[in-house]
Protein backbone atom coordinates (compact mmCIF):
# COMPACT_ATOMS: atom_id res chain seq x y z
CA MET A 1 -6.30 0.14 -18.24
CA ASP A 2 -7.64 2.44 -21.23
CA THR A 3 -6.11 2.44 -24.45
CA PRO A 4 -4.60 6.14 -24.97
CA ASP A 5 -5.85 8.25 -27.99
CA GLY A 6 -3.60 7.33 -30.97
CA HIS A 7 -2.50 3.93 -29.78
CA GLU A 8 -3.81 0.56 -30.88
CA PHE A 9 -3.32 -1.39 -27.56
CA ALA A 10 -3.85 -0.56 -23.90
CA PRO A 11 -0.55 -0.10 -21.76
CA VAL A 12 0.59 -3.61 -20.13
CA THR A 13 1.11 -2.04 -16.80
CA ILE A 14 -1.70 -2.63 -14.34
CA ASP A 15 -3.68 0.70 -13.08
CA GLN A 16 -3.74 -0.19 -9.28
CA ASN A 17 -6.28 2.95 -9.00
CA LEU A 18 -8.89 1.12 -11.58
CA VAL A 19 -8.45 -2.37 -8.98
CA ASP A 20 -9.14 -0.01 -6.17
CA GLU A 21 -12.11 1.33 -7.73
CA LEU A 22 -13.15 -2.24 -8.38
CA MET A 23 -12.75 -3.18 -4.87
CA ASN A 24 -14.95 -0.22 -3.64
CA ASP A 25 -17.81 -1.54 -5.71
CA VAL A 26 -18.11 -4.57 -3.39
CA ARG A 27 -20.84 -4.15 -0.81
CA HIS A 28 -19.99 -5.67 2.51
CA GLU A 29 -22.20 -7.74 4.59
CA LYS A 30 -22.79 -7.74 8.04
CA GLU A 31 -20.32 -10.38 8.97
CA ASP A 32 -17.38 -8.49 7.22
CA SER A 33 -17.39 -6.28 10.27
CA ASP A 34 -16.48 -9.35 12.67
CA GLY A 35 -13.00 -9.78 10.83
CA THR A 36 -14.29 -12.39 8.24
CA GLU A 37 -13.45 -11.81 4.75
CA SER A 38 -15.26 -9.81 2.27
CA LEU A 39 -16.81 -11.53 -0.87
CA MET A 40 -17.44 -9.95 -4.37
CA ASN A 41 -20.86 -11.30 -5.90
CA LEU A 42 -22.32 -10.82 -9.32
CA ASN A 43 -24.16 -7.86 -8.33
CA ASP A 44 -20.93 -6.07 -7.12
CA VAL A 45 -19.48 -6.98 -10.71
CA ALA A 46 -22.51 -5.33 -12.24
CA ARG A 47 -22.16 -2.11 -10.05
CA ALA A 48 -18.59 -1.94 -11.39
CA ARG A 49 -19.55 -2.47 -14.90
CA LEU A 50 -22.20 0.44 -14.77
CA ARG A 51 -19.26 2.60 -13.19
CA ARG A 52 -17.18 1.91 -16.03
CA GLU A 53 -19.55 2.55 -18.49
CA LYS A 54 -19.92 6.03 -17.53
CA ALA A 55 -16.10 6.65 -17.48
CA CYS A 56 -15.40 5.00 -20.90
CA ARG A 57 -16.57 5.09 -24.57
CA PRO A 58 -19.07 2.16 -25.48
CA ILE A 59 -17.60 -1.06 -26.57
CA ASN A 60 -18.93 -3.41 -29.03
CA LYS A 61 -21.24 -6.49 -28.21
CA VAL A 62 -18.67 -8.87 -28.76
CA ARG A 63 -16.23 -7.47 -26.41
CA GLN A 64 -18.90 -6.76 -23.72
CA GLU A 65 -19.74 -10.61 -23.85
CA ILE A 66 -15.96 -11.65 -23.77
CA ALA A 67 -15.50 -9.36 -20.64
CA ARG A 68 -18.98 -10.89 -19.09
CA GLY A 69 -17.62 -14.23 -19.69
CA GLU A 70 -14.24 -13.42 -18.05
CA MET A 71 -15.74 -12.43 -14.86
CA ALA A 72 -18.44 -15.09 -14.91
CA ILE A 73 -15.53 -17.85 -15.26
CA ILE A 74 -13.75 -16.39 -12.25
CA LEU A 75 -17.06 -16.13 -10.11
CA GLY A 76 -17.78 -19.76 -10.84
CA VAL A 77 -14.16 -20.97 -10.34
CA TRP A 78 -13.66 -19.16 -7.15
CA GLU A 79 -17.31 -19.13 -5.69
CA THR A 80 -17.29 -19.26 -1.79
CA THR A 81 -20.48 -19.05 0.29
CA SER A 82 -20.29 -17.13 3.85
CA LYS A 83 -23.15 -16.66 6.20
CA ASP A 84 -24.97 -13.94 4.21
CA LYS A 85 -23.18 -13.87 0.75
CA VAL A 86 -22.19 -16.16 -2.02
CA GLY A 87 -19.13 -14.66 -4.08
CA VAL A 88 -15.32 -14.56 -4.36
CA PRO A 89 -13.17 -13.30 -1.77
CA THR A 90 -12.21 -9.88 -2.39
CA GLU A 91 -8.42 -10.19 -1.82
CA TRP A 92 -8.46 -13.23 -4.48
CA ILE A 93 -9.72 -10.78 -6.85
CA ARG A 94 -7.50 -7.99 -5.95
CA ARG A 95 -4.44 -10.55 -6.39
CA TRP A 96 -5.79 -11.84 -9.78
CA ILE A 97 -6.78 -8.39 -11.15
CA GLY A 98 -3.98 -6.52 -9.70
CA HIS A 99 -0.99 -8.81 -9.82
CA GLU A 100 -2.15 -11.45 -12.61
CA MET A 101 -1.55 -14.00 -10.11
CA LEU A 102 -3.52 -17.07 -8.45
CA PRO A 103 -4.26 -16.68 -4.85
CA ASP A 104 -1.64 -18.29 -2.54
CA GLY A 105 -2.78 -21.90 -1.63
CA TRP A 106 -5.48 -21.85 -4.18
CA ARG A 107 -6.47 -25.38 -5.52
CA PRO A 108 -9.48 -26.08 -7.75
CA THR A 109 -12.60 -27.68 -5.89
CA HIS A 110 -14.59 -28.34 -9.02
CA LYS A 111 -14.95 -28.18 -12.42
CA GLN A 112 -16.28 -24.96 -14.02
CA GLY A 113 -18.56 -25.79 -17.09
CA PHE A 114 -19.13 -23.85 -20.30
CA TRP A 115 -22.93 -24.01 -19.65
CA ASP A 116 -22.35 -22.82 -16.18
CA THR A 117 -20.24 -19.83 -17.49
CA ILE A 118 -23.02 -18.99 -20.11
CA GLN A 119 -25.58 -18.84 -17.49
CA ARG A 120 -23.43 -16.59 -15.20
CA SER A 121 -22.70 -14.45 -18.02
CA LYS A 122 -26.32 -13.94 -18.83
CA ALA A 123 -27.19 -13.19 -15.42
CA LEU A 124 -24.33 -10.63 -15.20
CA ARG A 125 -25.90 -8.95 -18.37
CA MET A 126 -29.43 -8.61 -16.71
CA ALA A 127 -28.12 -7.64 -13.48
CA VAL A 128 -26.39 -4.73 -15.37
CA GLU A 129 -29.78 -4.18 -17.21
CA GLU A 130 -31.99 -4.09 -14.12
CA MET A 131 -29.32 -1.74 -12.32
CA ARG A 132 -29.35 0.57 -15.17
CA LYS A 133 -33.23 0.62 -15.15
CA GLY A 134 -33.41 1.10 -11.65
CA ALA A 135 -30.82 4.01 -11.61
CA ASP A 136 -32.58 5.76 -14.51
CA LYS A 137 -35.93 5.41 -12.71
CA MET A 138 -34.37 6.41 -9.43
CA ALA A 139 -33.13 9.31 -11.20
CA THR A 140 -36.41 10.44 -12.78
CA THR A 141 -38.26 10.11 -9.54
CA SER A 142 -35.37 12.25 -7.56
CA ALA A 143 -35.81 14.99 -10.16
CA MET A 144 -39.62 15.11 -9.51
CA SER A 145 -39.69 15.18 -5.85
CA PRO A 146 -38.12 17.14 -3.01
CA ALA A 147 -34.87 15.75 -1.44
CA SER A 148 -35.34 13.93 1.66
CA ASP A 149 -33.62 11.14 3.74
CA SER A 150 -35.33 8.55 1.65
CA ASN A 151 -33.50 10.09 -1.51
CA LEU A 152 -30.02 9.35 -0.05
CA LYS A 153 -29.71 5.88 -1.89
CA ILE A 154 -31.00 7.67 -4.96
CA ASP A 155 -28.00 10.40 -4.62
CA GLU A 156 -25.59 7.37 -3.91
CA ARG A 157 -26.57 5.64 -6.92
CA GLN A 158 -26.38 8.78 -9.06
CA ALA A 159 -22.79 9.73 -7.75
CA LEU A 160 -21.66 5.80 -8.53
CA LEU A 161 -23.04 6.43 -12.10
CA SER A 162 -21.80 9.74 -12.66
CA PRO A 163 -18.67 10.00 -15.11
CA SER A 164 -15.33 11.30 -13.52
CA LYS A 165 -13.60 11.34 -17.13
CA LYS A 166 -14.39 10.27 -20.47
CA SER A 167 -11.73 8.05 -22.22
CA SER A 168 -10.98 5.57 -24.68
CA LEU A 169 -11.81 1.54 -24.81
CA CYS A 170 -12.07 0.19 -21.22
CA ARG A 171 -11.89 -3.11 -19.46
CA ILE A 172 -15.68 -4.16 -19.14
CA PHE A 173 -15.55 -4.78 -15.41
């Protein structure tokens, strides 16, 4: 949740609307439609980061790295593989972020090392940078060419990146 103007700290209550927005950043795979659970991967987290950057004032590099590290840890600890995607079950993410609880029945299956966390954090930073470049390039291309069916993805990305409101310090994801 955002820190209100004039306050030093963010509220301690969880804003479920922000949790829902994060869940909406997940791109569902084909197998999700057959009832299997949806997974959030690194690209989904990067997409959420870009969306939040548009809604919030900038945060410093240290806080950016800490936030990337938090998501890198959880992506590594809870990583699951489905037929078409590697990621974390979205319901686990919802429970962790939305209720500050571990998933029911979850048990560690491997060690999450420091080096792996650094590598995932770096990959997350690079994914955000690539998406940002792609969105900028697509916005420029879209402005120079007439609207067509092929521009629907451009319009979708621009809608994703358009700010809904400016606010104080935001969580990175």
